[in-house]
N, C-alpha and C. Protein backbone atom coordinates (compact mmCIF):
# COMPACT_ATOMS: atom_id res chain seq x y z
N MET A 1 -7.53 52.27 -36.04
CA MET A 1 -8.53 53.18 -35.50
C MET A 1 -8.43 53.17 -33.98
N LYS A 2 -8.53 54.35 -33.40
CA LYS A 2 -8.45 54.47 -31.94
C LYS A 2 -9.55 55.41 -31.48
N ILE A 3 -10.34 54.97 -30.49
CA ILE A 3 -11.46 55.73 -29.95
C ILE A 3 -11.24 55.93 -28.46
N VAL A 4 -11.20 57.18 -28.01
CA VAL A 4 -11.03 57.47 -26.58
C VAL A 4 -12.07 58.50 -26.15
N LYS A 5 -12.93 58.09 -25.22
CA LYS A 5 -13.89 59.06 -24.67
C LYS A 5 -13.13 59.99 -23.74
N LEU A 6 -13.27 61.28 -23.97
CA LEU A 6 -12.56 62.27 -23.18
C LEU A 6 -13.39 62.78 -22.00
N GLU A 7 -14.68 62.95 -22.25
CA GLU A 7 -15.54 63.53 -21.23
C GLU A 7 -17.00 63.21 -21.56
N GLU A 8 -17.84 63.22 -20.52
CA GLU A 8 -19.27 62.99 -20.70
C GLU A 8 -20.00 63.84 -19.67
N ALA A 9 -21.08 64.49 -20.08
CA ALA A 9 -21.79 65.38 -19.15
C ALA A 9 -23.26 65.50 -19.53
N GLY A 10 -24.07 65.87 -18.54
CA GLY A 10 -25.46 66.23 -18.79
C GLY A 10 -26.51 65.20 -18.44
N PHE A 11 -26.11 64.05 -17.91
CA PHE A 11 -27.09 62.99 -17.68
C PHE A 11 -28.17 63.42 -16.67
N ASP A 12 -27.78 63.96 -15.53
CA ASP A 12 -28.77 64.35 -14.52
C ASP A 12 -29.71 65.43 -15.04
N SER A 13 -29.16 66.41 -15.77
CA SER A 13 -30.01 67.46 -16.33
C SER A 13 -30.95 66.89 -17.39
N ALA A 14 -30.47 65.93 -18.17
CA ALA A 14 -31.33 65.30 -19.18
C ALA A 14 -32.49 64.57 -18.53
N LEU A 15 -32.21 63.83 -17.44
CA LEU A 15 -33.29 63.13 -16.73
C LEU A 15 -34.27 64.12 -16.12
N TYR A 16 -33.73 65.19 -15.54
CA TYR A 16 -34.62 66.19 -14.95
C TYR A 16 -35.53 66.80 -16.02
N GLY A 17 -34.95 67.14 -17.16
CA GLY A 17 -35.75 67.68 -18.26
C GLY A 17 -36.83 66.70 -18.71
N PHE A 18 -36.47 65.42 -18.76
CA PHE A 18 -37.43 64.38 -19.12
C PHE A 18 -38.59 64.34 -18.12
N SER A 19 -38.29 64.60 -16.85
CA SER A 19 -39.32 64.51 -15.79
C SER A 19 -40.25 65.71 -15.75
N LEU A 20 -39.93 66.78 -16.47
CA LEU A 20 -40.75 68.00 -16.37
C LEU A 20 -42.20 67.77 -16.76
N SER A 21 -42.45 66.86 -17.66
CA SER A 21 -43.83 66.59 -18.07
C SER A 21 -44.67 66.01 -16.94
N PHE A 22 -44.01 65.43 -15.97
CA PHE A 22 -44.73 64.74 -14.89
C PHE A 22 -44.66 65.50 -13.56
N ARG A 23 -43.97 66.62 -13.54
CA ARG A 23 -43.76 67.36 -12.29
C ARG A 23 -45.01 68.15 -11.92
N LYS A 24 -45.26 68.23 -10.65
CA LYS A 24 -46.37 69.04 -10.17
C LYS A 24 -45.97 70.51 -10.26
N PRO A 25 -46.83 71.36 -10.78
CA PRO A 25 -46.51 72.78 -10.89
C PRO A 25 -46.20 73.40 -9.53
N GLY A 26 -45.28 74.34 -9.52
CA GLY A 26 -44.96 75.08 -8.30
C GLY A 26 -43.83 74.48 -7.47
N LEU A 27 -43.43 73.25 -7.76
CA LEU A 27 -42.34 72.66 -7.00
C LEU A 27 -40.99 73.07 -7.62
N THR A 28 -40.03 73.33 -6.75
CA THR A 28 -38.68 73.63 -7.25
C THR A 28 -38.01 72.32 -7.64
N ARG A 29 -36.88 72.46 -8.33
CA ARG A 29 -36.13 71.26 -8.73
C ARG A 29 -35.73 70.44 -7.51
N ASP A 30 -35.25 71.08 -6.48
CA ASP A 30 -34.82 70.35 -5.28
C ASP A 30 -36.00 69.67 -4.57
N GLU A 31 -37.15 70.32 -4.56
CA GLU A 31 -38.33 69.71 -3.94
C GLU A 31 -38.81 68.49 -4.72
N TRP A 32 -38.71 68.57 -6.01
CA TRP A 32 -39.18 67.49 -6.87
C TRP A 32 -38.19 66.34 -6.96
N TRP A 33 -36.92 66.65 -6.97
CA TRP A 33 -35.89 65.72 -7.41
C TRP A 33 -35.30 64.92 -6.24
N ASP A 34 -36.08 64.09 -5.64
CA ASP A 34 -35.55 63.21 -4.59
C ASP A 34 -35.08 61.90 -5.20
N ARG A 35 -34.47 61.06 -4.41
CA ARG A 35 -33.88 59.81 -4.90
C ARG A 35 -34.92 58.89 -5.55
N GLU A 36 -36.08 58.78 -4.93
CA GLU A 36 -37.13 57.89 -5.43
C GLU A 36 -37.65 58.36 -6.80
N ARG A 37 -37.92 59.66 -6.92
CA ARG A 37 -38.40 60.19 -8.20
C ARG A 37 -37.33 60.07 -9.28
N LYS A 38 -36.09 60.29 -8.90
CA LYS A 38 -34.99 60.19 -9.86
C LYS A 38 -34.88 58.76 -10.39
N GLN A 39 -35.03 57.77 -9.51
CA GLN A 39 -34.95 56.36 -9.94
C GLN A 39 -36.12 56.00 -10.85
N ARG A 40 -37.32 56.47 -10.53
CA ARG A 40 -38.48 56.22 -11.39
C ARG A 40 -38.30 56.89 -12.75
N THR A 41 -37.76 58.10 -12.73
CA THR A 41 -37.51 58.83 -13.98
C THR A 41 -36.47 58.10 -14.82
N TYR A 42 -35.42 57.58 -14.18
CA TYR A 42 -34.39 56.80 -14.89
C TYR A 42 -35.05 55.63 -15.62
N LYS A 43 -35.90 54.88 -14.94
CA LYS A 43 -36.55 53.72 -15.55
C LYS A 43 -37.45 54.13 -16.71
N ALA A 44 -38.20 55.22 -16.54
CA ALA A 44 -39.07 55.70 -17.61
C ALA A 44 -38.24 56.19 -18.80
N ALA A 45 -37.16 56.88 -18.53
CA ALA A 45 -36.29 57.38 -19.60
C ALA A 45 -35.66 56.21 -20.36
N LEU A 46 -35.23 55.19 -19.64
CA LEU A 46 -34.64 54.01 -20.27
C LEU A 46 -35.66 53.33 -21.19
N ALA A 47 -36.89 53.26 -20.74
CA ALA A 47 -37.95 52.65 -21.55
C ALA A 47 -38.25 53.48 -22.81
N ASN A 48 -37.99 54.78 -22.75
CA ASN A 48 -38.26 55.66 -23.89
C ASN A 48 -37.04 55.93 -24.76
N ALA A 49 -35.87 55.47 -24.35
CA ALA A 49 -34.63 55.77 -25.07
C ALA A 49 -34.66 55.28 -26.51
N ASP A 50 -35.39 54.24 -26.77
CA ASP A 50 -35.43 53.66 -28.11
C ASP A 50 -36.64 54.12 -28.92
N ARG A 51 -37.41 55.04 -28.35
CA ARG A 51 -38.62 55.53 -29.03
C ARG A 51 -38.34 56.89 -29.67
N ASP A 52 -38.57 56.97 -30.96
CA ASP A 52 -38.40 58.24 -31.65
C ASP A 52 -39.67 59.07 -31.54
N GLY A 53 -39.79 60.09 -32.35
CA GLY A 53 -40.99 60.92 -32.34
C GLY A 53 -41.05 61.85 -31.15
N GLY A 54 -39.91 62.22 -30.60
CA GLY A 54 -39.87 63.15 -29.49
C GLY A 54 -39.81 62.51 -28.12
N HIS A 55 -40.05 61.21 -28.04
CA HIS A 55 -40.05 60.53 -26.75
C HIS A 55 -38.64 60.41 -26.17
N ASN A 56 -37.62 60.44 -27.02
CA ASN A 56 -36.25 60.27 -26.53
C ASN A 56 -35.38 61.51 -26.74
N LYS A 57 -36.02 62.67 -26.86
CA LYS A 57 -35.23 63.88 -27.10
C LYS A 57 -34.32 64.24 -25.93
N PHE A 58 -34.57 63.68 -24.75
CA PHE A 58 -33.68 63.92 -23.61
C PHE A 58 -32.26 63.42 -23.90
N LEU A 59 -32.12 62.45 -24.84
CA LEU A 59 -30.79 61.94 -25.20
C LEU A 59 -29.92 63.02 -25.83
N GLU A 60 -30.55 64.04 -26.42
CA GLU A 60 -29.81 65.14 -27.03
C GLU A 60 -29.07 65.98 -25.98
N HIS A 61 -29.46 65.86 -24.73
CA HIS A 61 -28.87 66.67 -23.66
C HIS A 61 -27.68 66.01 -22.98
N ILE A 62 -27.36 64.79 -23.37
CA ILE A 62 -26.22 64.09 -22.79
C ILE A 62 -25.07 64.20 -23.78
N GLN A 63 -24.07 64.98 -23.44
CA GLN A 63 -22.96 65.28 -24.34
C GLN A 63 -21.76 64.37 -24.09
N VAL A 64 -21.08 64.02 -25.17
CA VAL A 64 -19.89 63.16 -25.09
C VAL A 64 -18.82 63.75 -25.99
N TRP A 65 -17.63 63.91 -25.43
CA TRP A 65 -16.48 64.37 -26.21
C TRP A 65 -15.56 63.17 -26.43
N VAL A 66 -15.17 62.95 -27.69
CA VAL A 66 -14.42 61.75 -28.05
C VAL A 66 -13.25 62.13 -28.95
N SER A 67 -12.12 61.47 -28.73
CA SER A 67 -10.98 61.57 -29.63
C SER A 67 -11.02 60.34 -30.53
N ILE A 68 -11.02 60.57 -31.84
CA ILE A 68 -11.06 59.48 -32.80
C ILE A 68 -9.88 59.62 -33.75
N GLN A 69 -9.10 58.56 -33.86
CA GLN A 69 -8.04 58.52 -34.87
C GLN A 69 -8.49 57.52 -35.92
N ALA A 70 -8.69 58.01 -37.14
CA ALA A 70 -9.20 57.16 -38.21
C ALA A 70 -8.62 57.63 -39.54
N THR A 71 -8.84 56.81 -40.55
CA THR A 71 -8.33 57.16 -41.88
C THR A 71 -9.16 58.27 -42.50
N LEU A 72 -8.56 58.98 -43.44
CA LEU A 72 -9.29 60.02 -44.16
C LEU A 72 -10.50 59.43 -44.89
N GLU A 73 -10.36 58.20 -45.35
CA GLU A 73 -11.48 57.52 -46.02
C GLU A 73 -12.67 57.40 -45.07
N TRP A 74 -12.40 56.98 -43.82
CA TRP A 74 -13.47 56.84 -42.83
C TRP A 74 -14.07 58.20 -42.48
N TRP A 75 -13.21 59.23 -42.33
CA TRP A 75 -13.71 60.56 -41.97
C TRP A 75 -14.65 61.11 -43.04
N LYS A 76 -14.41 60.78 -44.29
CA LYS A 76 -15.32 61.23 -45.35
C LYS A 76 -16.72 60.66 -45.15
N GLN A 77 -16.81 59.41 -44.72
CA GLN A 77 -18.12 58.81 -44.44
C GLN A 77 -18.73 59.42 -43.18
N TYR A 78 -17.90 59.66 -42.18
CA TYR A 78 -18.38 60.23 -40.92
C TYR A 78 -19.00 61.61 -41.13
N ASP A 79 -18.50 62.34 -42.11
CA ASP A 79 -19.02 63.69 -42.36
C ASP A 79 -20.49 63.70 -42.76
N THR A 80 -21.07 62.54 -42.99
CA THR A 80 -22.52 62.44 -43.21
C THR A 80 -23.28 62.97 -42.01
N TYR A 81 -22.72 62.79 -40.81
CA TYR A 81 -23.38 63.18 -39.57
C TYR A 81 -22.99 64.61 -39.22
N ARG A 82 -23.94 65.53 -39.44
CA ARG A 82 -23.66 66.94 -39.24
C ARG A 82 -24.52 67.56 -38.14
N ILE A 83 -25.69 67.06 -37.90
CA ILE A 83 -26.58 67.66 -36.90
C ILE A 83 -26.25 67.09 -35.53
N GLY A 84 -26.03 67.97 -34.57
CA GLY A 84 -25.71 67.55 -33.22
C GLY A 84 -24.29 67.06 -33.07
N VAL A 85 -23.43 67.38 -34.03
CA VAL A 85 -22.04 66.94 -34.01
C VAL A 85 -21.15 68.15 -34.23
N SER A 86 -20.09 68.25 -33.46
CA SER A 86 -19.09 69.28 -33.67
C SER A 86 -17.74 68.59 -33.64
N LYS A 87 -16.76 69.11 -34.40
CA LYS A 87 -15.46 68.44 -34.42
C LYS A 87 -14.34 69.44 -34.64
N GLN A 88 -13.16 69.06 -34.16
CA GLN A 88 -11.91 69.78 -34.38
C GLN A 88 -10.89 68.72 -34.76
N SER A 89 -9.95 69.08 -35.66
CA SER A 89 -9.03 68.05 -36.11
C SER A 89 -7.61 68.56 -36.23
N GLU A 90 -6.70 67.58 -36.36
CA GLU A 90 -5.33 67.92 -36.70
C GLU A 90 -5.36 68.59 -38.06
N SER A 91 -4.52 69.57 -38.27
CA SER A 91 -4.43 70.22 -39.56
C SER A 91 -3.58 69.36 -40.47
N THR A 92 -4.16 68.89 -41.56
CA THR A 92 -3.41 68.09 -42.52
C THR A 92 -2.23 68.89 -43.05
N MET A 93 -2.48 70.15 -43.37
CA MET A 93 -1.42 70.99 -43.93
C MET A 93 -0.28 71.14 -42.93
N HIS A 94 -0.61 71.48 -41.67
CA HIS A 94 0.45 71.71 -40.69
C HIS A 94 1.09 70.41 -40.21
N THR A 95 0.33 69.33 -40.24
CA THR A 95 0.89 68.05 -39.83
C THR A 95 1.95 67.58 -40.81
N LEU A 96 1.69 67.76 -42.10
CA LEU A 96 2.65 67.32 -43.11
C LEU A 96 3.68 68.39 -43.44
N ASP A 97 3.35 69.62 -43.14
CA ASP A 97 4.26 70.72 -43.42
C ASP A 97 5.42 70.68 -42.43
N PHE A 98 6.49 71.33 -42.76
CA PHE A 98 7.62 71.43 -41.84
C PHE A 98 7.38 72.61 -40.92
N GLY A 99 6.35 72.52 -40.12
CA GLY A 99 5.98 73.60 -39.21
C GLY A 99 6.29 73.21 -37.79
N PRO A 100 5.53 73.74 -36.83
CA PRO A 100 5.82 73.49 -35.42
C PRO A 100 5.64 72.04 -35.01
N ILE A 101 4.83 71.28 -35.73
CA ILE A 101 4.59 69.89 -35.36
C ILE A 101 5.66 68.98 -35.93
N ARG A 102 6.04 69.20 -37.18
CA ARG A 102 7.01 68.34 -37.84
C ARG A 102 8.18 69.21 -38.30
N THR A 103 9.36 68.92 -37.80
CA THR A 103 10.52 69.69 -38.22
C THR A 103 11.15 69.04 -39.43
N GLU A 104 12.06 69.73 -40.01
CA GLU A 104 12.71 69.24 -41.23
C GLU A 104 13.41 67.91 -41.00
N HIS A 105 13.80 67.65 -39.75
CA HIS A 105 14.58 66.45 -39.46
C HIS A 105 13.71 65.26 -39.05
N MET A 106 12.39 65.46 -38.94
CA MET A 106 11.51 64.36 -38.55
C MET A 106 11.12 63.57 -39.78
N ASP A 107 11.23 62.26 -39.70
CA ASP A 107 10.82 61.41 -40.80
C ASP A 107 9.34 61.08 -40.69
N ILE A 108 8.70 60.94 -41.81
CA ILE A 108 7.31 60.48 -41.83
C ILE A 108 7.33 58.98 -41.58
N LYS A 109 6.48 58.52 -40.67
CA LYS A 109 6.52 57.12 -40.25
C LYS A 109 5.34 56.34 -40.82
N ALA A 110 5.58 55.08 -41.03
CA ALA A 110 4.53 54.20 -41.55
C ALA A 110 3.35 54.13 -40.59
N GLU A 111 3.57 54.33 -39.29
CA GLU A 111 2.50 54.25 -38.29
C GLU A 111 1.46 55.35 -38.47
N GLU A 112 1.79 56.37 -39.25
CA GLU A 112 0.85 57.46 -39.48
C GLU A 112 -0.20 57.10 -40.53
N PHE A 113 -0.12 55.87 -41.04
CA PHE A 113 -1.02 55.43 -42.09
C PHE A 113 -1.59 54.07 -41.74
N LEU A 114 -2.80 53.84 -42.21
CA LEU A 114 -3.37 52.51 -42.20
C LEU A 114 -3.29 52.06 -43.65
N CYS A 115 -2.36 51.18 -43.92
CA CYS A 115 -2.08 50.83 -45.31
C CYS A 115 -2.62 49.45 -45.64
N HIS A 116 -3.30 49.37 -46.75
CA HIS A 116 -3.71 48.08 -47.29
C HIS A 116 -2.69 47.62 -48.32
N ASP A 117 -1.86 48.55 -48.75
CA ASP A 117 -0.79 48.26 -49.71
C ASP A 117 0.54 48.28 -48.99
N ASP A 118 1.58 48.23 -49.73
CA ASP A 118 2.93 48.29 -49.19
C ASP A 118 3.17 49.65 -48.51
N HIS A 119 3.61 49.64 -47.25
CA HIS A 119 3.89 50.88 -46.52
C HIS A 119 4.89 51.75 -47.27
N MET A 120 5.86 51.15 -47.89
CA MET A 120 6.90 51.91 -48.58
C MET A 120 6.32 52.75 -49.71
N THR A 121 5.27 52.28 -50.34
CA THR A 121 4.64 53.05 -51.42
C THR A 121 4.15 54.38 -50.88
N TYR A 122 3.49 54.35 -49.73
CA TYR A 122 2.99 55.58 -49.12
C TYR A 122 4.13 56.48 -48.69
N LEU A 123 5.13 55.89 -48.07
CA LEU A 123 6.25 56.70 -47.60
C LEU A 123 6.98 57.37 -48.75
N MET A 124 7.17 56.65 -49.85
CA MET A 124 7.81 57.23 -51.02
C MET A 124 6.95 58.36 -51.58
N TYR A 125 5.65 58.15 -51.57
CA TYR A 125 4.72 59.16 -52.08
C TYR A 125 4.81 60.44 -51.23
N ILE A 126 4.79 60.27 -49.90
CA ILE A 126 4.85 61.43 -49.01
C ILE A 126 6.20 62.12 -49.13
N ASP A 127 7.26 61.35 -49.22
CA ASP A 127 8.57 61.96 -49.42
C ASP A 127 8.59 62.79 -50.69
N MET A 128 7.96 62.28 -51.73
CA MET A 128 7.89 63.03 -52.98
C MET A 128 7.12 64.34 -52.77
N LEU A 129 5.99 64.25 -52.03
CA LEU A 129 5.20 65.45 -51.77
C LEU A 129 5.96 66.47 -50.93
N SER A 130 6.78 65.99 -50.00
CA SER A 130 7.49 66.90 -49.12
C SER A 130 8.51 67.74 -49.88
N ASN A 131 8.88 67.30 -51.05
CA ASN A 131 9.81 68.07 -51.87
C ASN A 131 9.08 69.05 -52.78
N GLN A 132 7.75 69.01 -52.78
CA GLN A 132 6.96 69.92 -53.61
C GLN A 132 6.60 71.17 -52.84
N ASP A 133 5.97 72.08 -53.50
CA ASP A 133 5.45 73.30 -52.89
C ASP A 133 4.49 72.89 -51.77
N SER A 134 4.58 73.54 -50.61
CA SER A 134 3.76 73.15 -49.45
C SER A 134 2.27 73.28 -49.73
N ARG A 135 1.86 74.11 -50.66
CA ARG A 135 0.43 74.25 -50.97
C ARG A 135 -0.13 73.02 -51.66
N LEU A 136 0.73 72.17 -52.19
CA LEU A 136 0.27 70.99 -52.92
C LEU A 136 0.21 69.74 -52.04
N LYS A 137 0.85 69.78 -50.88
CA LYS A 137 1.01 68.57 -50.07
C LYS A 137 -0.30 67.91 -49.69
N SER A 138 -1.25 68.67 -49.19
CA SER A 138 -2.47 68.07 -48.67
C SER A 138 -3.44 67.64 -49.76
N LYS A 139 -3.22 68.05 -51.00
CA LYS A 139 -4.17 67.74 -52.06
C LYS A 139 -4.12 66.28 -52.48
N GLY A 140 -2.98 65.62 -52.30
CA GLY A 140 -2.89 64.25 -52.77
C GLY A 140 -2.68 63.25 -51.66
N LEU A 141 -3.10 63.58 -50.46
CA LEU A 141 -2.87 62.72 -49.32
C LEU A 141 -3.61 61.39 -49.47
N PRO A 142 -2.93 60.27 -49.27
CA PRO A 142 -3.59 58.96 -49.40
C PRO A 142 -4.72 58.78 -48.40
N GLN A 143 -5.74 58.01 -48.80
CA GLN A 143 -6.91 57.78 -47.95
C GLN A 143 -6.57 57.00 -46.68
N GLY A 144 -5.41 56.33 -46.68
CA GLY A 144 -5.01 55.56 -45.50
C GLY A 144 -4.36 56.40 -44.42
N TYR A 145 -4.20 57.72 -44.66
CA TYR A 145 -3.58 58.58 -43.66
C TYR A 145 -4.46 58.65 -42.42
N LEU A 146 -3.88 58.44 -41.25
CA LEU A 146 -4.62 58.48 -39.98
C LEU A 146 -4.65 59.91 -39.45
N GLN A 147 -5.84 60.43 -39.24
CA GLN A 147 -6.01 61.77 -38.70
C GLN A 147 -6.81 61.69 -37.41
N GLU A 148 -6.36 62.43 -36.40
CA GLU A 148 -7.08 62.48 -35.13
C GLU A 148 -7.98 63.70 -35.11
N ARG A 149 -9.21 63.48 -34.69
CA ARG A 149 -10.17 64.57 -34.51
C ARG A 149 -10.85 64.41 -33.15
N GLU A 150 -11.17 65.53 -32.56
CA GLU A 150 -11.99 65.51 -31.35
C GLU A 150 -13.40 65.87 -31.78
N VAL A 151 -14.35 65.03 -31.42
CA VAL A 151 -15.73 65.29 -31.80
C VAL A 151 -16.60 65.41 -30.55
N ASN A 152 -17.66 66.19 -30.68
CA ASN A 152 -18.64 66.34 -29.62
C ASN A 152 -19.95 65.79 -30.15
N LEU A 153 -20.46 64.79 -29.48
CA LEU A 153 -21.69 64.12 -29.87
C LEU A 153 -22.68 64.18 -28.72
N ASN A 154 -23.88 63.74 -28.97
CA ASN A 154 -24.81 63.50 -27.87
C ASN A 154 -25.33 62.07 -28.01
N TYR A 155 -25.98 61.58 -26.97
CA TYR A 155 -26.43 60.19 -26.98
C TYR A 155 -27.38 59.89 -28.14
N LYS A 156 -28.19 60.85 -28.52
CA LYS A 156 -29.13 60.59 -29.61
C LYS A 156 -28.38 60.41 -30.93
N VAL A 157 -27.35 61.20 -31.17
CA VAL A 157 -26.54 61.05 -32.38
C VAL A 157 -25.80 59.71 -32.35
N ILE A 158 -25.26 59.34 -31.19
CA ILE A 158 -24.56 58.06 -31.06
C ILE A 158 -25.52 56.91 -31.38
N ARG A 159 -26.73 57.00 -30.85
CA ARG A 159 -27.75 55.97 -31.12
C ARG A 159 -28.05 55.91 -32.62
N HIS A 160 -28.17 57.07 -33.24
CA HIS A 160 -28.46 57.14 -34.68
C HIS A 160 -27.32 56.51 -35.49
N ILE A 161 -26.09 56.88 -35.19
CA ILE A 161 -24.93 56.32 -35.88
C ILE A 161 -24.88 54.81 -35.69
N ALA A 162 -25.08 54.37 -34.45
CA ALA A 162 -25.02 52.93 -34.15
C ALA A 162 -26.04 52.15 -34.96
N ASN A 163 -27.25 52.66 -35.05
CA ASN A 163 -28.28 51.93 -35.78
C ASN A 163 -28.12 52.00 -37.29
N GLN A 164 -27.48 53.04 -37.78
CA GLN A 164 -27.25 53.13 -39.23
C GLN A 164 -26.01 52.39 -39.68
N ARG A 165 -24.96 52.35 -38.85
CA ARG A 165 -23.66 51.88 -39.32
C ARG A 165 -23.12 50.61 -38.68
N PHE A 166 -23.80 50.05 -37.69
CA PHE A 166 -23.24 48.89 -36.98
C PHE A 166 -22.99 47.71 -37.91
N LYS A 167 -23.85 47.50 -38.87
CA LYS A 167 -23.71 46.36 -39.79
C LYS A 167 -23.09 46.78 -41.12
N HIS A 168 -22.46 47.93 -41.15
CA HIS A 168 -21.86 48.45 -42.39
C HIS A 168 -20.74 47.53 -42.86
N ARG A 169 -20.56 47.43 -44.17
CA ARG A 169 -19.55 46.52 -44.70
C ARG A 169 -18.12 46.95 -44.37
N ILE A 170 -17.92 48.25 -44.06
CA ILE A 170 -16.61 48.70 -43.61
C ILE A 170 -16.55 48.47 -42.10
N GLY A 171 -15.71 47.54 -41.68
CA GLY A 171 -15.65 47.09 -40.30
C GLY A 171 -15.27 48.15 -39.29
N ASP A 172 -14.63 49.25 -39.74
CA ASP A 172 -14.25 50.31 -38.81
C ASP A 172 -15.47 50.92 -38.12
N TRP A 173 -16.63 50.90 -38.78
CA TRP A 173 -17.83 51.44 -38.16
C TRP A 173 -18.23 50.62 -36.93
N LYS A 174 -18.25 49.30 -37.08
CA LYS A 174 -18.59 48.44 -35.94
C LYS A 174 -17.58 48.62 -34.82
N LEU A 175 -16.31 48.69 -35.17
CA LEU A 175 -15.26 48.90 -34.18
C LEU A 175 -15.46 50.21 -33.44
N MET A 176 -15.75 51.28 -34.16
CA MET A 176 -15.96 52.59 -33.54
C MET A 176 -17.16 52.56 -32.60
N ILE A 177 -18.26 51.99 -33.06
CA ILE A 177 -19.49 51.95 -32.28
C ILE A 177 -19.32 51.12 -31.01
N GLU A 178 -18.76 49.93 -31.14
CA GLU A 178 -18.56 49.08 -29.96
C GLU A 178 -17.60 49.74 -28.96
N SER A 179 -16.53 50.32 -29.47
CA SER A 179 -15.56 50.95 -28.59
C SER A 179 -16.16 52.14 -27.87
N LEU A 180 -16.89 52.97 -28.59
CA LEU A 180 -17.49 54.16 -27.97
C LEU A 180 -18.55 53.77 -26.95
N ILE A 181 -19.47 52.89 -27.31
CA ILE A 181 -20.53 52.50 -26.38
C ILE A 181 -19.96 51.86 -25.12
N SER A 182 -18.88 51.08 -25.26
CA SER A 182 -18.28 50.44 -24.08
C SER A 182 -17.67 51.45 -23.11
N GLN A 183 -17.40 52.66 -23.58
CA GLN A 183 -16.80 53.69 -22.72
C GLN A 183 -17.83 54.65 -22.13
N LEU A 184 -19.09 54.55 -22.56
CA LEU A 184 -20.12 55.45 -22.04
C LEU A 184 -20.48 55.10 -20.60
N VAL A 185 -20.88 56.11 -19.84
CA VAL A 185 -21.30 55.89 -18.46
C VAL A 185 -22.64 55.15 -18.43
N TYR A 186 -23.51 55.43 -19.39
CA TYR A 186 -24.84 54.83 -19.45
C TYR A 186 -25.06 54.13 -20.80
N PRO A 187 -24.32 53.07 -21.09
CA PRO A 187 -24.44 52.41 -22.39
C PRO A 187 -25.81 51.79 -22.62
N GLU A 188 -26.55 51.53 -21.56
CA GLU A 188 -27.87 50.91 -21.70
C GLU A 188 -28.86 51.81 -22.44
N PHE A 189 -28.53 53.09 -22.60
CA PHE A 189 -29.41 54.01 -23.30
C PHE A 189 -29.18 53.99 -24.82
N ILE A 190 -28.19 53.24 -25.28
CA ILE A 190 -27.92 53.12 -26.71
C ILE A 190 -28.19 51.68 -27.11
N LYS A 191 -29.35 51.44 -27.68
CA LYS A 191 -29.73 50.09 -28.10
C LYS A 191 -29.54 49.97 -29.60
N ILE A 192 -28.84 48.94 -30.02
CA ILE A 192 -28.61 48.70 -31.45
C ILE A 192 -29.65 47.71 -31.93
N LYS A 193 -30.37 48.12 -32.97
CA LYS A 193 -31.43 47.24 -33.51
C LYS A 193 -30.84 46.27 -34.51
């Protein structure tokens, strides 16, 4: 499994939005948003980051784009998270097909799989599939196949995933959560209970 944060945005706007409840009417953003108020807002937001019921909705405004390479088995579990999440992935069909990504002369490599069994079993299986009709190839892909997807999350979704999956019996969840949080600009806003 490989986790790479690609981009992160929206923190200042999220804090400003959080501060709107306390702003004096009639002041512009620039008039209100001085260094001292921003620091006080940061502290108040941090104190509310772990409070549900609308108190931490500002976390929804902090966006994170991540590249995740994981097994198909893991991706099936990840698909539980649909709200506030967007993703794009490698095409299984085009990746295994003899198309622009893989030419007829490229061999399928064991590194493309996370195997708990003998690597050769998977390679023999894929070789067998490559000799079949291309419409059948993706239907029997082993769960150990590593697929890369780019996902767009927000801090609130990351917090939700972390609290639901950190102690999951499948260790890839803990690995994903620790790796992602360690790459965030503001990891202190994601508290694992």
